[in-house]
């Protein structure tokens, strides 16, 4: 996971928000990473962390809403920045 994160940060926009989404949270008996480990990794690396399950619908709407918030916030920042650049 750490090497993937390094690659993403190296090749992408430095202002991007990275969300770590744990899927299939309904399969506790097959879990490879605990919630606490996911939260800790996210905290140490400045990521947004959530867990979800499509099967039980746990957090599906919350994840979708958080993705929407990140995208709409970034668009607002882009438009604001773009507007400031145009005024100069």
Protein backbone atom coordinates (compact mmCIF):
# COMPACT_ATOMS: atom_id res chain seq x y z
CA UNK A 1 0.00 0.00 0.00
CA UNK A 2 2.79 2.43 0.86
CA UNK A 3 4.49 1.96 -2.53
CA UNK A 4 1.17 2.51 -4.35
CA UNK A 5 0.66 5.70 -2.36
CA UNK A 6 4.19 6.89 -3.20
CA UNK A 7 3.55 6.22 -6.91
CA UNK A 8 0.23 8.05 -6.81
CA UNK A 9 1.78 11.08 -5.15
CA UNK A 10 4.77 11.08 -7.49
CA UNK A 11 2.72 10.99 -10.70
CA UNK A 12 -0.38 12.99 -9.79
CA UNK A 13 -1.39 16.51 -8.88
CA UNK A 14 0.12 17.48 -5.53
CA UNK A 15 -3.19 19.09 -4.48
CA UNK A 16 -5.24 15.92 -4.84
CA UNK A 17 -7.18 14.39 -2.00
CA UNK A 18 -6.62 10.66 -1.57
CA UNK A 19 -9.34 8.57 -0.01
CA UNK A 20 -8.57 5.10 1.34
CA UNK A 21 -11.81 3.13 1.07
CA UNK A 22 -11.96 -0.30 2.66
CA UNK A 23 -14.49 -2.42 0.77
CA UNK A 24 -16.39 -5.56 1.82
CA UNK A 25 -16.52 -4.55 5.47
CA UNK A 26 -19.28 -7.11 5.91
CA UNK A 27 -16.72 -9.95 5.57
CA UNK A 28 -15.12 -9.56 9.00
CA UNK A 29 -14.02 -13.21 9.08
CA UNK A 30 -11.92 -12.67 5.91
CA UNK A 31 -10.46 -9.32 6.93
CA UNK A 32 -6.76 -8.84 6.17
CA UNK A 33 -6.52 -5.32 7.62
CA UNK A 34 -8.29 -4.17 10.77
CA UNK A 35 -10.26 -0.94 10.88
CA UNK A 36 -7.71 0.41 13.34
CA UNK A 37 -4.80 -0.40 10.99
CA UNK A 38 -6.59 1.31 8.11
CA UNK A 39 -7.34 4.37 10.21
CA UNK A 40 -3.76 4.56 11.46
CA UNK A 41 -2.29 4.23 7.95
CA UNK A 42 -4.66 6.92 6.69
CA UNK A 43 -3.84 9.24 9.58
CA UNK A 44 -0.08 8.79 9.15
CA UNK A 45 -0.35 9.52 5.42
CA UNK A 46 -2.92 12.32 5.40
CA UNK A 47 -5.68 10.27 3.78
CA UNK A 48 -9.43 10.22 4.22
CA UNK A 49 -10.41 6.75 5.50
CA UNK A 50 -13.77 5.02 5.31
CA UNK A 51 -15.02 1.47 5.17
CA UNK A 52 -17.99 0.31 3.15
CA UNK A 53 -19.95 -2.74 2.09
CA UNK A 54 -21.98 -2.84 -1.08
CA UNK A 55 -23.67 -6.01 0.12
CA UNK A 56 -25.08 -4.47 3.30
CA UNK A 57 -25.02 -0.87 2.00
CA UNK A 58 -22.94 0.13 5.04
CA UNK A 59 -21.48 3.63 4.42
CA UNK A 60 -22.19 3.50 0.67
CA UNK A 61 -24.04 6.81 0.71
CA UNK A 62 -21.49 8.38 3.07
CA UNK A 63 -18.60 7.40 0.80
CA UNK A 64 -20.44 8.73 -2.24
CA UNK A 65 -21.23 11.99 -0.44
CA UNK A 66 -17.63 12.42 0.72
CA UNK A 67 -16.35 11.87 -2.81
CA UNK A 68 -18.85 14.47 -4.01
CA UNK A 69 -17.70 16.94 -1.33
CA UNK A 70 -14.04 16.51 -2.27
CA UNK A 71 -14.76 16.97 -5.96
CA UNK A 72 -17.07 19.96 -5.49
CA UNK A 73 -14.63 21.62 -3.08
CA UNK A 74 -11.74 21.14 -5.51
CA UNK A 75 -13.85 22.57 -8.34
CA UNK A 76 -14.72 25.58 -6.20
CA UNK A 77 -11.03 26.12 -5.42
CA UNK A 78 -10.17 25.76 -9.11
CA UNK A 79 -12.82 28.26 -10.15
CA UNK A 80 -11.78 30.69 -7.44
CA UNK A 81 -8.12 30.38 -8.41
CA UNK A 82 -8.96 30.66 -12.08
CA UNK A 83 -10.96 33.79 -11.40
CA UNK A 84 -8.08 35.35 -9.47
CA UNK A 85 -5.63 34.52 -12.24
CA UNK A 86 -7.91 36.16 -14.79
CA UNK A 87 -8.08 39.38 -12.75
CA UNK A 88 -4.30 39.80 -12.68
